[in-house]
PDB file of N, CA and C in Angstrom:
ATOM      1  N   UNK A   1       0.677  -1.066   0.355  1.00  0.00           N
ATOM      2  CA  UNK A   1       0.099   0.080   0.290  1.00  0.00           C
ATOM      3  C   UNK A   1       0.829   1.138   0.033  1.00  0.00           C
ATOM      4  N   UNK A   2       0.151   2.151  -0.896  1.00  0.00           N
ATOM      5  CA  UNK A   2       1.038   3.797  -0.771  1.00  0.00           C
ATOM      6  C   UNK A   2       0.905   4.264   0.107  1.00  0.00           C
ATOM      7  N   UNK A   3       2.051   5.198   0.192  1.00  0.00           N
ATOM      8  CA  UNK A   3       1.544   6.297   1.270  1.00  0.00           C
ATOM      9  C   UNK A   3       1.939   7.620   1.311  1.00  0.00           C
ATOM     10  N   UNK A   4       1.784   8.643   2.110  1.00  0.00           N
ATOM     11  CA  UNK A   4       2.598   9.623   1.882  1.00  0.00           C
ATOM     12  C   UNK A   4       3.958   9.982   2.688  1.00  0.00           C
ATOM     13  N   UNK A   5       4.846  11.166   2.510  1.00  0.00           N
ATOM     14  CA  UNK A   5       5.867  10.810   2.760  1.00  0.00           C
ATOM     15  C   UNK A   5       5.342  11.447   4.737  1.00  0.00           C
ATOM     16  N   UNK A   6       5.294  10.649   5.686  1.00  0.00           N
ATOM     17  CA  UNK A   6       5.242  11.378   6.733  1.00  0.00           C
ATOM     18  C   UNK A   6       6.095  12.614   7.428  1.00  0.00           C
ATOM     19  N   UNK A   7       6.954  11.759   6.746  1.00  0.00           N
ATOM     20  CA  UNK A   7       8.934  12.723   7.352  1.00  0.00           C
ATOM     21  C   UNK A   7       8.832  14.106   6.618  1.00  0.00           C
ATOM     22  N   UNK A   8       8.030  14.419   5.111  1.00  0.00           N
ATOM     23  CA  UNK A   8       8.146  15.205   4.851  1.00  0.00           C
ATOM     24  C   UNK A   8       7.808  16.705   5.200  1.00  0.00           C
ATOM     25  N   UNK A   9       8.191  18.416   5.032  1.00  0.00           N
ATOM     26  CA  UNK A   9       8.023  19.428   5.711  1.00  0.00           C
ATOM     27  C   UNK A   9       6.641  19.372   5.250  1.00  0.00           C
ATOM     28  N   UNK A  10       6.245  19.455   4.578  1.00  0.00           N
ATOM     29  CA  UNK A  10       5.082  19.346   4.484  1.00  0.00           C
ATOM     30  C   UNK A  10       3.857  18.052   4.240  1.00  0.00           C
ATOM     31  N   UNK A  11       3.040  17.826   5.258  1.00  0.00           N
ATOM     32  CA  UNK A  11       1.774  17.013   5.207  1.00  0.00           C
ATOM     33  C   UNK A  11       0.449  17.766   5.285  1.00  0.00           C
ATOM     34  N   UNK A  12      -0.579  17.479   4.376  1.00  0.00           N
ATOM     35  CA  UNK A  12      -1.711  18.010   4.548  1.00  0.00           C
ATOM     36  C   UNK A  12      -2.738  16.966   4.852  1.00  0.00           C
ATOM     37  N   UNK A  13      -3.743  16.613   5.951  1.00  0.00           N
ATOM     38  CA  UNK A  13      -4.738  16.195   6.140  1.00  0.00           C
ATOM     39  C   UNK A  13      -6.508  16.938   6.151  1.00  0.00           C
ATOM     40  N   UNK A  14      -7.034  16.264   4.811  1.00  0.00           N
ATOM     41  CA  UNK A  14      -8.377  16.992   5.260  1.00  0.00           C
ATOM     42  C   UNK A  14      -9.648  15.866   5.206  1.00  0.00           C
ATOM     43  N   UNK A  15     -10.843  16.333   5.276  1.00  0.00           N
ATOM     44  CA  UNK A  15     -11.870  15.461   5.492  1.00  0.00           C
ATOM     45  C   UNK A  15     -13.197  16.321   4.425  1.00  0.00           C
ATOM     46  N   UNK A  16     -14.079  15.684   4.247  1.00  0.00           N
ATOM     47  CA  UNK A  16     -15.013  16.222   3.617  1.00  0.00           C
ATOM     48  C   UNK A  16     -16.762  15.142   3.758  1.00  0.00           C
ATOM     49  N   UNK A  17     -17.404  15.793   3.633  1.00  0.00           N
ATOM     50  CA  UNK A  17     -18.337  14.815   3.597  1.00  0.00           C
ATOM     51  C   UNK A  17     -19.312  15.089   2.416  1.00  0.00           C
ATOM     52  N   UNK A  18     -19.995  14.382   1.523  1.00  0.00           N
ATOM     53  CA  UNK A  18     -20.412  14.954   0.100  1.00  0.00           C
ATOM     54  C   UNK A  18     -21.771  13.914   0.281  1.00  0.00           C
ATOM     55  N   UNK A  19     -22.869  14.774  -0.003  1.00  0.00           N
ATOM     56  CA  UNK A  19     -23.868  14.522  -0.125  1.00  0.00           C
ATOM     57  C   UNK A  19     -24.348  13.704  -1.732  1.00  0.00           C
ATOM     58  N   UNK A  20     -23.775  12.669  -2.413  1.00  0.00           N
ATOM     59  CA  UNK A  20     -23.791  11.935  -3.503  1.00  0.00           C
ATOM     60  C   UNK A  20     -23.773  10.749  -3.286  1.00  0.00           C
ATOM     61  N   UNK A  21     -24.029   9.921  -4.083  1.00  0.00           N
ATOM     62  CA  UNK A  21     -23.581   8.317  -4.207  1.00  0.00           C
ATOM     63  C   UNK A  21     -21.982   8.542  -4.500  1.00  0.00           C
ATOM     64  N   UNK A  22     -21.276   7.384  -3.833  1.00  0.00           N
ATOM     65  CA  UNK A  22     -20.301   7.298  -3.821  1.00  0.00           C
ATOM     66  C   UNK A  22     -19.864   6.674  -5.593  1.00  0.00           C
ATOM     67  N   UNK A  23     -20.633   6.463  -5.989  1.00  0.00           N
ATOM     68  CA  UNK A  23     -20.118   6.137  -7.815  1.00  0.00           C
ATOM     69  C   UNK A  23     -20.662   7.763  -8.464  1.00  0.00           C
ATOM     70  N   UNK A  24     -20.735   8.759  -8.310  1.00  0.00           N
ATOM     71  CA  UNK A  24     -20.717   9.827  -8.917  1.00  0.00           C
ATOM     72  C   UNK A  24     -19.753  10.359  -8.237  1.00  0.00           C
ATOM     73  N   UNK A  25     -19.353  10.136  -6.946  1.00  0.00           N
ATOM     74  CA  UNK A  25     -18.450  11.393  -6.491  1.00  0.00           C
ATOM     75  C   UNK A  25     -16.889  10.232  -7.181  1.00  0.00           C
ATOM     76  N   UNK A  26     -16.959   8.975  -6.766  1.00  0.00           N
ATOM     77  CA  UNK A  26     -15.768   8.620  -7.622  1.00  0.00           C
ATOM     78  C   UNK A  26     -15.488   9.205  -8.874  1.00  0.00           C
ATOM     79  N   UNK A  27     -16.540   8.708  -9.923  1.00  0.00           N
ATOM     80  CA  UNK A  27     -16.227   9.537 -11.369  1.00  0.00           C
ATOM     81  C   UNK A  27     -15.800  10.698 -11.786  1.00  0.00           C
ATOM     82  N   UNK A  28     -16.538  11.677 -10.805  1.00  0.00           N
ATOM     83  CA  UNK A  28     -16.141  12.965 -10.824  1.00  0.00           C
ATOM     84  C   UNK A  28     -14.470  13.006 -10.623  1.00  0.00           C
ATOM     85  N   UNK A  29     -14.041  12.064  -9.622  1.00  0.00           N
ATOM     86  CA  UNK A  29     -12.535  12.551  -9.007  1.00  0.00           C
ATOM     87  C   UNK A  29     -11.713  11.531  -9.960  1.00  0.00           C
ATOM     88  N   UNK A  30     -12.041  10.722 -10.414  1.00  0.00           N
ATOM     89  CA  UNK A  30     -11.061  10.248 -11.347  1.00  0.00           C
ATOM     90  C   UNK A  30     -11.207  10.225 -13.058  1.00  0.00           C
ATOM     91  N   UNK A  31     -12.171  11.129 -13.229  1.00  0.00           N
ATOM     92  CA  UNK A  31     -12.230  11.694 -14.918  1.00  0.00           C
ATOM     93  C   UNK A  31     -11.512  12.849 -14.859  1.00  0.00           C
ATOM     94  N   UNK A  32     -10.203  12.343 -14.692  1.00  0.00           N
ATOM     95  CA  UNK A  32      -9.288  13.991 -14.701  1.00  0.00           C
ATOM     96  C   UNK A  32      -9.690  14.573 -16.139  1.00  0.00           C
ATOM     97  N   UNK A  33      -9.726  14.308 -17.229  1.00  0.00           N
ATOM     98  CA  UNK A  33     -10.079  15.523 -18.241  1.00  0.00           C
ATOM     99  C   UNK A  33     -11.095  16.431 -17.719  1.00  0.00           C
ATOM    100  N   UNK A  34     -11.907  16.141 -16.827  1.00  0.00           N
ATOM    101  CA  UNK A  34     -12.943  17.172 -16.458  1.00  0.00           C
ATOM    102  C   UNK A  34     -12.614  17.802 -15.504  1.00  0.00           C
ATOM    103  N   UNK A  35     -11.538  17.910 -14.617  1.00  0.00           N
ATOM    104  CA  UNK A  35     -11.671  18.678 -13.250  1.00  0.00           C
ATOM    105  C   UNK A  35     -11.514  20.237 -13.276  1.00  0.00           C
ATOM    106  N   UNK A  36     -11.117  20.080 -14.446  1.00  0.00           N
ATOM    107  CA  UNK A  36     -11.211  22.447 -14.703  1.00  0.00           C
ATOM    108  C   UNK A  36     -12.738  22.156 -14.720  1.00  0.00           C
ATOM    109  N   UNK A  37     -13.617  21.626 -15.445  1.00  0.00           N
ATOM    110  CA  UNK A  37     -15.319  21.964 -15.048  1.00  0.00           C
ATOM    111  C   UNK A  37     -15.840  22.215 -13.815  1.00  0.00           C
ATOM    112  N   UNK A  38     -15.132  21.418 -12.489  1.00  0.00           N
ATOM    113  CA  UNK A  38     -15.306  21.617 -11.252  1.00  0.00           C
ATOM    114  C   UNK A  38     -14.819  22.364 -10.420  1.00  0.00           C
ATOM    115  N   UNK A  39     -13.540  22.293 -10.741  1.00  0.00           N
ATOM    116  CA  UNK A  39     -12.164  22.535  -9.362  1.00  0.00           C
ATOM    117  C   UNK A  39     -11.936  23.680  -9.827  1.00  0.00           C
ATOM    118  N   UNK A  40     -11.998  24.760  -9.099  1.00  0.00           N
ATOM    119  CA  UNK A  40     -11.556  25.907  -9.934  1.00  0.00           C
ATOM    120  C   UNK A  40     -10.064  26.296  -9.689  1.00  0.00           C
ATOM    121  N   UNK A  41      -9.358  25.205  -8.662  1.00  0.00           N
ATOM    122  CA  UNK A  41      -7.746  25.210  -8.771  1.00  0.00           C
ATOM    123  C   UNK A  41      -7.087  24.507  -9.709  1.00  0.00           C
ATOM    124  N   UNK A  42      -7.711  24.295 -10.846  1.00  0.00           N
ATOM    125  CA  UNK A  42      -7.317  23.153 -11.824  1.00  0.00           C
ATOM    126  C   UNK A  42      -7.557  24.317 -12.830  1.00  0.00           C
ATOM    127  N   UNK A  43      -6.569  24.580 -13.978  1.00  0.00           N
ATOM    128  CA  UNK A  43      -6.910  25.468 -15.196  1.00  0.00           C
ATOM    129  C   UNK A  43      -6.893  24.213 -16.590  1.00  0.00           C
ATOM    130  N   UNK A  44      -6.124  23.102 -16.080  1.00  0.00           N
ATOM    131  CA  UNK A  44      -6.421  22.140 -17.510  1.00  0.00           C
ATOM    132  C   UNK A  44      -5.660  20.628 -16.843  1.00  0.00           C
ATOM    133  N   UNK A  45      -6.324  19.653 -17.256  1.00  0.00           N
ATOM    134  CA  UNK A  45      -6.082  18.312 -17.246  1.00  0.00           C
ATOM    135  C   UNK A  45      -6.217  17.339 -18.521  1.00  0.00           C
ATOM    136  N   UNK A  46      -5.075  16.556 -18.438  1.00  0.00           N
ATOM    137  CA  UNK A  46      -5.416  15.553 -19.386  1.00  0.00           C
ATOM    138  C   UNK A  46      -4.762  14.537 -19.342  1.00  0.00           C
ATOM    139  N   UNK A  47      -5.374  13.032 -18.974  1.00  0.00           N
ATOM    140  CA  UNK A  47      -5.244  12.298 -18.548  1.00  0.00           C
ATOM    141  C   UNK A  47      -4.801  11.562 -19.837  1.00  0.00           C
ATOM    142  N   UNK A  48      -3.527  10.363 -19.904  1.00  0.00           N
ATOM    143  CA  UNK A  48      -2.831   9.661 -20.777  1.00  0.00           C
ATOM    144  C   UNK A  48      -3.563   8.154 -21.145  1.00  0.00           C
ATOM    145  N   UNK A  49      -4.757   8.004 -20.585  1.00  0.00           N
ATOM    146  CA  UNK A  49      -5.486   6.899 -20.556  1.00  0.00           C
ATOM    147  C   UNK A  49      -6.421   6.905 -19.910  1.00  0.00           C
ATOM    148  N   UNK A  50      -6.885   5.354 -19.561  1.00  0.00           N
ATOM    149  CA  UNK A  50      -8.236   5.439 -18.742  1.00  0.00           C
ATOM    150  C   UNK A  50      -7.160   4.692 -16.965  1.00  0.00           C
ATOM    151  N   UNK A  51      -7.830   5.545 -15.954  1.00  0.00           N
ATOM    152  CA  UNK A  51      -7.357   5.648 -14.784  1.00  0.00           C
ATOM    153  C   UNK A  51      -7.080   4.054 -14.465  1.00  0.00           C
ATOM    154  N   UNK A  52      -5.757   3.578 -14.576  1.00  0.00           N
ATOM    155  CA  UNK A  52      -5.216   2.879 -13.831  1.00  0.00           C
ATOM    156  C   UNK A  52      -4.052   2.761 -13.185  1.00  0.00           C
ATOM    157  N   UNK A  53      -3.635   1.840 -12.619  1.00  0.00           N
ATOM    158  CA  UNK A  53      -2.007   2.023 -12.066  1.00  0.00           C
ATOM    159  C   UNK A  53      -1.393   2.190 -13.681  1.00  0.00           C
ATOM    160  N   UNK A  54      -0.117   2.908 -13.082  1.00  0.00           N
ATOM    161  CA  UNK A  54       0.794   3.557 -14.176  1.00  0.00           C
ATOM    162  C   UNK A  54      -0.049   4.686 -14.941  1.00  0.00           C
ATOM    163  N   UNK A  55      -0.962   4.995 -15.111  1.00  0.00           N
ATOM    164  CA  UNK A  55      -1.484   6.038 -15.850  1.00  0.00           C
ATOM    165  C   UNK A  55      -1.066   7.286 -15.471  1.00  0.00           C
ATOM    166  N   UNK A  56      -0.534   8.097 -16.389  1.00  0.00           N
ATOM    167  CA  UNK A  56      -0.368   9.620 -16.041  1.00  0.00           C
ATOM    168  C   UNK A  56      -1.492  10.499 -16.214  1.00  0.00           C
ATOM    169  N   UNK A  57      -1.033  11.472 -15.658  1.00  0.00           N
ATOM    170  CA  UNK A  57      -1.816  12.950 -16.313  1.00  0.00           C
ATOM    171  C   UNK A  57      -1.131  14.249 -15.735  1.00  0.00           C
ATOM    172  N   UNK A  58      -1.510  14.939 -16.573  1.00  0.00           N
ATOM    173  CA  UNK A  58      -0.816  16.180 -16.217  1.00  0.00           C
ATOM    174  C   UNK A  58      -1.720  17.482 -16.124  1.00  0.00           C
ATOM    175  N   UNK A  59      -1.665  17.779 -15.080  1.00  0.00           N
ATOM    176  CA  UNK A  59      -2.784  19.427 -15.089  1.00  0.00           C
ATOM    177  C   UNK A  59      -1.856  20.913 -14.533  1.00  0.00           C
ATOM    178  N   UNK A  60      -2.548  21.515 -14.711  1.00  0.00           N
ATOM    179  CA  UNK A  60      -1.875  22.648 -14.588  1.00  0.00           C
ATOM    180  C   UNK A  60      -2.989  23.562 -13.721  1.00  0.00           C
ATOM    181  N   UNK A  61      -2.178  23.600 -12.101  1.00  0.00           N
ATOM    182  CA  UNK A  61      -2.781  24.397 -10.865  1.00  0.00           C
ATOM    183  C   UNK A  61      -1.890  25.673 -10.757  1.00  0.00           C
ATOM    184  N   UNK A  62      -2.230  26.660 -10.215  1.00  0.00           N
ATOM    185  CA  UNK A  62      -1.094  27.764  -9.319  1.00  0.00           C
ATOM    186  C   UNK A  62      -0.075  27.714 -10.185  1.00  0.00           C
ATOM    187  N   UNK A  63      -0.182  27.894 -11.729  1.00  0.00           N
ATOM    188  CA  UNK A  63       0.440  28.188 -12.556  1.00  0.00           C
ATOM    189  C   UNK A  63       2.087  27.145 -12.886  1.00  0.00           C
ATOM    190  N   UNK A  64       1.428  25.905 -12.194  1.00  0.00           N
ATOM    191  CA  UNK A  64       2.290  24.649 -12.448  1.00  0.00           C
ATOM    192  C   UNK A  64       2.012  23.743 -13.120  1.00  0.00           C
ATOM    193  N   UNK A  65       2.829  23.272 -14.041  1.00  0.00           N
ATOM    194  CA  UNK A  65       2.061  21.936 -14.920  1.00  0.00           C
ATOM    195  C   UNK A  65       3.019  20.854 -14.114  1.00  0.00           C
ATOM    196  N   UNK A  66       2.214  20.122 -13.897  1.00  0.00           N
ATOM    197  CA  UNK A  66       2.012  18.936 -12.856  1.00  0.00           C
ATOM    198  C   UNK A  66       1.978  17.850 -13.932  1.00  0.00           C
ATOM    199  N   UNK A  67       3.120  16.633 -13.996  1.00  0.00           N
ATOM    200  CA  UNK A  67       2.617  15.040 -14.402  1.00  0.00           C
ATOM    201  C   UNK A  67       2.765  14.617 -13.407  1.00  0.00           C
ATOM    202  N   UNK A  68       1.259  13.814 -12.690  1.00  0.00           N
ATOM    203  CA  UNK A  68       1.117  12.509 -12.035  1.00  0.00           C
ATOM    204  C   UNK A  68       1.136  11.167 -12.646  1.00  0.00           C
ATOM    205  N   UNK A  69       1.575  10.492 -11.396  1.00  0.00           N
ATOM    206  CA  UNK A  69       1.241   9.164 -12.290  1.00  0.00           C
ATOM    207  C   UNK A  69       1.023   8.184 -11.175  1.00  0.00           C
ATOM    208  N   UNK A  70      -0.179   7.877 -11.028  1.00  0.00           N
ATOM    209  CA  UNK A  70      -1.193   7.070 -10.537  1.00  0.00           C
ATOM    210  C   UNK A  70      -0.352   5.689 -10.151  1.00  0.00           C
ATOM    211  N   UNK A  71      -0.299   5.534  -8.511  1.00  0.00           N
ATOM    212  CA  UNK A  71       0.693   4.326  -8.236  1.00  0.00           C
ATOM    213  C   UNK A  71      -0.175   3.432  -7.388  1.00  0.00           C
ATOM    214  N   UNK A  72      -1.817   3.945  -7.244  1.00  0.00           N
ATOM    215  CA  UNK A  72      -2.387   2.730  -6.428  1.00  0.00           C
ATOM    216  C   UNK A  72      -3.730   2.980  -6.783  1.00  0.00           C
ATOM    217  N   UNK A  73      -5.031   2.054  -7.147  1.00  0.00           N
ATOM    218  CA  UNK A  73      -6.128   2.282  -7.710  1.00  0.00           C
ATOM    219  C   UNK A  73      -6.899   1.114  -6.586  1.00  0.00           C
ATOM    220  N   UNK A  74      -8.248   1.742  -6.268  1.00  0.00           N
ATOM    221  CA  UNK A  74      -8.834   0.515  -5.499  1.00  0.00           C
ATOM    222  C   UNK A  74     -10.041   1.083  -5.925  1.00  0.00           C
ATOM    223  N   UNK A  75     -10.776   0.889  -6.915  1.00  0.00           N
ATOM    224  CA  UNK A  75     -12.048   1.331  -7.396  1.00  0.00           C
ATOM    225  C   UNK A  75     -12.961   1.954  -6.478  1.00  0.00           C
ATOM    226  N   UNK A  76     -13.720   3.058  -6.439  1.00  0.00           N
ATOM    227  CA  UNK A  76     -14.322   3.243  -5.122  1.00  0.00           C
ATOM    228  C   UNK A  76     -14.095   3.451  -3.886  1.00  0.00           C
ATOM    229  N   UNK A  77     -12.601   3.284  -3.900  1.00  0.00           N
ATOM    230  CA  UNK A  77     -12.220   3.333  -1.953  1.00  0.00           C
ATOM    231  C   UNK A  77     -11.207   4.229  -2.278  1.00  0.00           C
ATOM    232  N   UNK A  78     -10.389   3.873  -3.129  1.00  0.00           N
ATOM    233  CA  UNK A  78      -8.874   4.905  -3.111  1.00  0.00           C
ATOM    234  C   UNK A  78      -7.879   4.714  -4.185  1.00  0.00           C
ATOM    235  N   UNK A  79      -7.123   5.707  -3.920  1.00  0.00           N
ATOM    236  CA  UNK A  79      -6.589   6.183  -5.400  1.00  0.00           C
ATOM    237  C   UNK A  79      -4.798   7.098  -5.005  1.00  0.00           C
ATOM    238  N   UNK A  80      -3.946   6.908  -5.592  1.00  0.00           N
ATOM    239  CA  UNK A  80      -2.660   6.962  -5.121  1.00  0.00           C
ATOM    240  C   UNK A  80      -1.869   7.534  -6.321  1.00  0.00           C
ATOM    241  N   UNK A  81      -1.730   8.826  -6.039  1.00  0.00           N
ATOM    242  CA  UNK A  81      -0.932   9.327  -7.170  1.00  0.00           C
ATOM    243  C   UNK A  81       0.427  10.052  -6.628  1.00  0.00           C
ATOM    244  N   UNK A  82       1.434  10.598  -7.315  1.00  0.00           N
ATOM    245  CA  UNK A  82       2.837  11.187  -6.981  1.00  0.00           C
ATOM    246  C   UNK A  82       3.178  11.725  -8.119  1.00  0.00           C
ATOM    247  N   UNK A  83       4.091  12.778  -8.133  1.00  0.00           N
ATOM    248  CA  UNK A  83       4.664  13.518  -9.372  1.00  0.00           C
ATOM    249  C   UNK A  83       5.811  14.394  -8.569  1.00  0.00           C
ATOM    250  N   UNK A  84       6.421  15.130  -9.488  1.00  0.00           N
ATOM    251  CA  UNK A  84       7.661  16.150  -9.199  1.00  0.00           C
ATOM    252  C   UNK A  84       7.622  17.021 -10.262  1.00  0.00           C
ATOM    253  N   UNK A  85       7.665  18.589  -9.665  1.00  0.00           N
ATOM    254  CA  UNK A  85       7.499  19.780 -10.397  1.00  0.00           C
ATOM    255  C   UNK A  85       7.949  20.867  -9.370  1.00  0.00           C
ATOM    256  N   UNK A  86       8.891  21.010 -10.660  1.00  0.00           N
ATOM    257  CA  UNK A  86      10.114  22.200  -9.918  1.00  0.00           C
ATOM    258  C   UNK A  86      10.965  21.935  -8.905  1.00  0.00           C
ATOM    259  N   UNK A  87      11.527  20.107  -8.708  1.00  0.00           N
ATOM    260  CA  UNK A  87      11.595  20.164  -7.319  1.00  0.00           C
ATOM    261  C   UNK A  87      11.036  19.432  -6.160  1.00  0.00           C
ATOM    262  N   UNK A  88       9.665  19.646  -6.595  1.00  0.00           N
ATOM    263  CA  UNK A  88       8.843  19.308  -5.334  1.00  0.00           C
ATOM    264  C   UNK A  88       8.575  17.960  -5.513  1.00  0.00           C
ATOM    265  N   UNK A  89       8.325  17.198  -4.582  1.00  0.00           N
ATOM    266  CA  UNK A  89       7.779  15.258  -5.011  1.00  0.00           C
ATOM    267  C   UNK A  89       6.667  15.417  -3.770  1.00  0.00           C
ATOM    268  N   UNK A  90       5.135  15.497  -4.697  1.00  0.00           N
ATOM    269  CA  UNK A  90       4.097  15.543  -4.385  1.00  0.00           C
ATOM    270  C   UNK A  90       3.992  14.262  -4.175  1.00  0.00           C
ATOM    271  N   UNK A  91       3.089  13.713  -3.385  1.00  0.00           N
ATOM    272  CA  UNK A  91       2.017  12.005  -3.177  1.00  0.00           C
ATOM    273  C   UNK A  91       0.664  12.381  -2.535  1.00  0.00           C
ATOM    274  N   UNK A  92       0.305  12.194  -3.254  1.00  0.00           N
ATOM    275  CA  UNK A  92      -1.426  12.721  -2.514  1.00  0.00           C
ATOM    276  C   UNK A  92      -2.316  11.160  -2.799  1.00  0.00           C
ATOM    277  N   UNK A  93      -2.800  10.699  -1.370  1.00  0.00           N
ATOM    278  CA  UNK A  93      -3.770   9.713  -1.113  1.00  0.00           C
ATOM    279  C   UNK A  93      -5.143   9.928  -1.051  1.00  0.00           C
ATOM    280  N   UNK A  94      -6.034   9.112  -1.330  1.00  0.00           N
ATOM    281  CA  UNK A  94      -7.919  10.008  -1.689  1.00  0.00           C
ATOM    282  C   UNK A  94      -8.385   8.681  -1.440  1.00  0.00           C
ATOM    283  N   UNK A  95      -8.915   8.894  -0.243  1.00  0.00           N
ATOM    284  CA  UNK A  95     -10.077   7.389   0.446  1.00  0.00           C
ATOM    285  C   UNK A  95     -11.330   8.016   0.344  1.00  0.00           C
ATOM    286  N   UNK A  96     -12.055   7.104  -0.021  1.00  0.00           N
ATOM    287  CA  UNK A  96     -13.558   7.044  -0.625  1.00  0.00           C
ATOM    288  C   UNK A  96     -14.280   6.182   0.582  1.00  0.00           C
ATOM    289  N   UNK A  97     -15.145   6.748   1.608  1.00  0.00           N
ATOM    290  CA  UNK A  97     -15.918   6.099   2.360  1.00  0.00           C
ATOM    291  C   UNK A  97     -17.730   5.935   2.155  1.00  0.00           C
ATOM    292  N   UNK A  98     -18.121   4.911   1.522  1.00  0.00           N
ATOM    293  CA  UNK A  98     -19.792   5.487   1.517  1.00  0.00           C
ATOM    294  C   UNK A  98     -20.024   5.822   2.920  1.00  0.00           C
ATOM    295  N   UNK A  99     -21.222   6.578   2.866  1.00  0.00           N
ATOM    296  CA  UNK A  99     -22.009   6.345   4.438  1.00  0.00           C
ATOM    297  C   UNK A  99     -23.644   6.808   4.189  1.00  0.00           C
ATOM    298  N   UNK A 100     -24.431   6.643   5.224  1.00  0.00           N
ATOM    299  CA  UNK A 100     -25.435   6.902   5.462  1.00  0.00           C
ATOM    300  C   UNK A 100     -26.072   8.738   4.688  1.00  0.00           C
ATOM    301  N   UNK A 101     -24.593   9.136   5.030  1.00  0.00           N
ATOM    302  CA  UNK A 101     -25.039  10.548   4.657  1.00  0.00           C
ATOM    303  C   UNK A 101     -24.377  11.201   3.274  1.00  0.00           C
ATOM    304  N   UNK A 102     -24.306  10.157   2.325  1.00  0.00           N
ATOM    305  CA  UNK A 102     -23.652  10.004   1.197  1.00  0.00           C
ATOM    306  C   UNK A 102     -21.594   9.362   0.809  1.00  0.00           C
ATOM    307  N   UNK A 103     -20.916   9.873   0.787  1.00  0.00           N
ATOM    308  CA  UNK A 103     -19.345   9.384   1.001  1.00  0.00           C
ATOM    309  C   UNK A 103     -18.563  10.648   1.720  1.00  0.00           C
ATOM    310  N   UNK A 104     -17.693   9.824   2.779  1.00  0.00           N
ATOM    311  CA  UNK A 104     -16.908  10.604   3.225  1.00  0.00           C
ATOM    312  C   UNK A 104     -15.610  10.503   2.612  1.00  0.00           C
ATOM    313  N   UNK A 105     -14.897  11.751   1.750  1.00  0.00           N
ATOM    314  CA  UNK A 105     -13.515  11.767   1.639  1.00  0.00           C
ATOM    315  C   UNK A 105     -12.547  12.036   1.971  1.00  0.00           C
ATOM    316  N   UNK A 106     -11.418  11.613   1.780  1.00  0.00           N
ATOM    317  CA  UNK A 106     -10.131  11.926   2.651  1.00  0.00           C
ATOM    318  C   UNK A 106      -9.160  12.243   2.225  1.00  0.00           C
ATOM    319  N   UNK A 107      -8.358  13.185   2.151  1.00  0.00           N
ATOM    320  CA  UNK A 107      -7.018  13.371   1.430  1.00  0.00           C
ATOM    321  C   UNK A 107      -5.985  13.740   2.021  1.00  0.00           C
ATOM    322  N   UNK A 108      -4.548  12.907   1.780  1.00  0.00           N
ATOM    323  CA  UNK A 108      -4.014  13.394   2.459  1.00  0.00           C
ATOM    324  C   UNK A 108      -2.282  13.763   1.410  1.00  0.00           C
ATOM    325  N   UNK A 109      -1.688  14.637   1.572  1.00  0.00           N
ATOM    326  CA  UNK A 109      -0.993  15.099   0.739  1.00  0.00           C
ATOM    327  C   UNK A 109       0.512  15.591   1.760  1.00  0.00           C
ATOM    328  N   UNK A 110       1.399  15.277   0.930  1.00  0.00           N
ATOM    329  CA  UNK A 110       2.842  15.401   1.644  1.00  0.00           C
ATOM    330  C   UNK A 110       3.644  16.067  -0.029  1.00  0.00           C
ATOM    331  N   UNK A 111       4.525  16.645   0.521  1.00  0.00           N
ATOM    332  CA  UNK A 111       5.515  17.816  -0.025  1.00  0.00           C
ATOM    333  C   UNK A 111       6.577  17.458   0.560  1.00  0.00           C
ATOM    334  N   UNK A 112       7.805  17.167  -0.396  1.00  0.00           N
ATOM    335  CA  UNK A 112       9.618  17.555   0.066  1.00  0.00           C
ATOM    336  C   UNK A 112      10.042  17.682  -0.808  1.00  0.00           C
ATOM    337  N   UNK A 113      11.313  17.933  -1.037  1.00  0.00           N
ATOM    338  CA  UNK A 113      12.210  18.466  -1.677  1.00  0.00           C
ATOM    339  C   UNK A 113      13.174  19.840  -1.407  1.00  0.00           C
ATOM    340  N   UNK A 114      14.020  20.354  -2.467  1.00  0.00           N
ATOM    341  CA  UNK A 114      14.717  21.445  -1.750  1.00  0.00           C
ATOM    342  C   UNK A 114      13.727  22.917  -1.831  1.00  0.00           C
ATOM    343  N   UNK A 115      13.025  22.626  -2.648  1.00  0.00           N
ATOM    344  CA  UNK A 115      12.186  24.269  -2.613  1.00  0.00           C
ATOM    345  C   UNK A 115      11.381  23.973  -1.656  1.00  0.00           C
ATOM    346  N   UNK A 116      10.699  23.458  -1.519  1.00  0.00           N
ATOM    347  CA  UNK A 116       9.928  22.847  -0.094  1.00  0.00           C
ATOM    348  C   UNK A 116      10.505  23.281   1.205  1.00  0.00           C
ATOM    349  N   UNK A 117      11.969  22.617   1.529  1.00  0.00           N
ATOM    350  CA  UNK A 117      13.193  22.969   2.577  1.00  0.00           C
ATOM    351  C   UNK A 117      13.153  24.227   2.750  1.00  0.00           C
ATOM    352  N   UNK A 118      13.435  24.766   1.431  1.00  0.00           N
ATOM    353  CA  UNK A 118      13.791  26.638   1.677  1.00  0.00           C
ATOM    354  C   UNK A 118      12.410  27.502   1.880  1.00  0.00           C
ATOM    355  N   UNK A 119      11.255  27.154   2.111  1.00  0.00           N
ATOM    356  CA  UNK A 119       9.873  27.994   2.016  1.00  0.00           C
ATOM    357  C   UNK A 119       8.773  26.889   2.626  1.00  0.00           C
ATOM    358  N   UNK A 120       9.129  26.325   3.875  1.00  0.00           N
ATOM    359  CA  UNK A 120       7.747  25.422   4.304  1.00  0.00           C
ATOM    360  C   UNK A 120       6.852  26.072   4.212  1.00  0.00           C
ATOM    361  N   UNK A 121       6.562  27.385   4.992  1.00  0.00           N
ATOM    362  CA  UNK A 121       5.206  28.146   4.730  1.00  0.00           C
ATOM    363  C   UNK A 121       4.632  28.394   3.592  1.00  0.00           C
TER     364      UNK A 121
END
């Protein structure tokens, strides 16, 4: 099982509840090409193929073009990707849990590398 780098200078963990069916949440999350339609932080996104372990996708966010690669995929439950941009190594883990109120989405992300060490804030 892949995980974030818990020793990285930057680690973020967030949880949210979404009032929607799991299939809908999972579909939106894994349809990378449509990210800009609903995620205001993503300007462009393009997957190199169907979402699977080894699939890469390129996305533009906050002026950075990032190429990420899927490292783990458990449909409807978990997806992990990583990528390096401008010397920053990012690892992102997403988990999805069906509840009576919809879906609990948990995300963990770590950033490491020289640029992060130089400006952790």
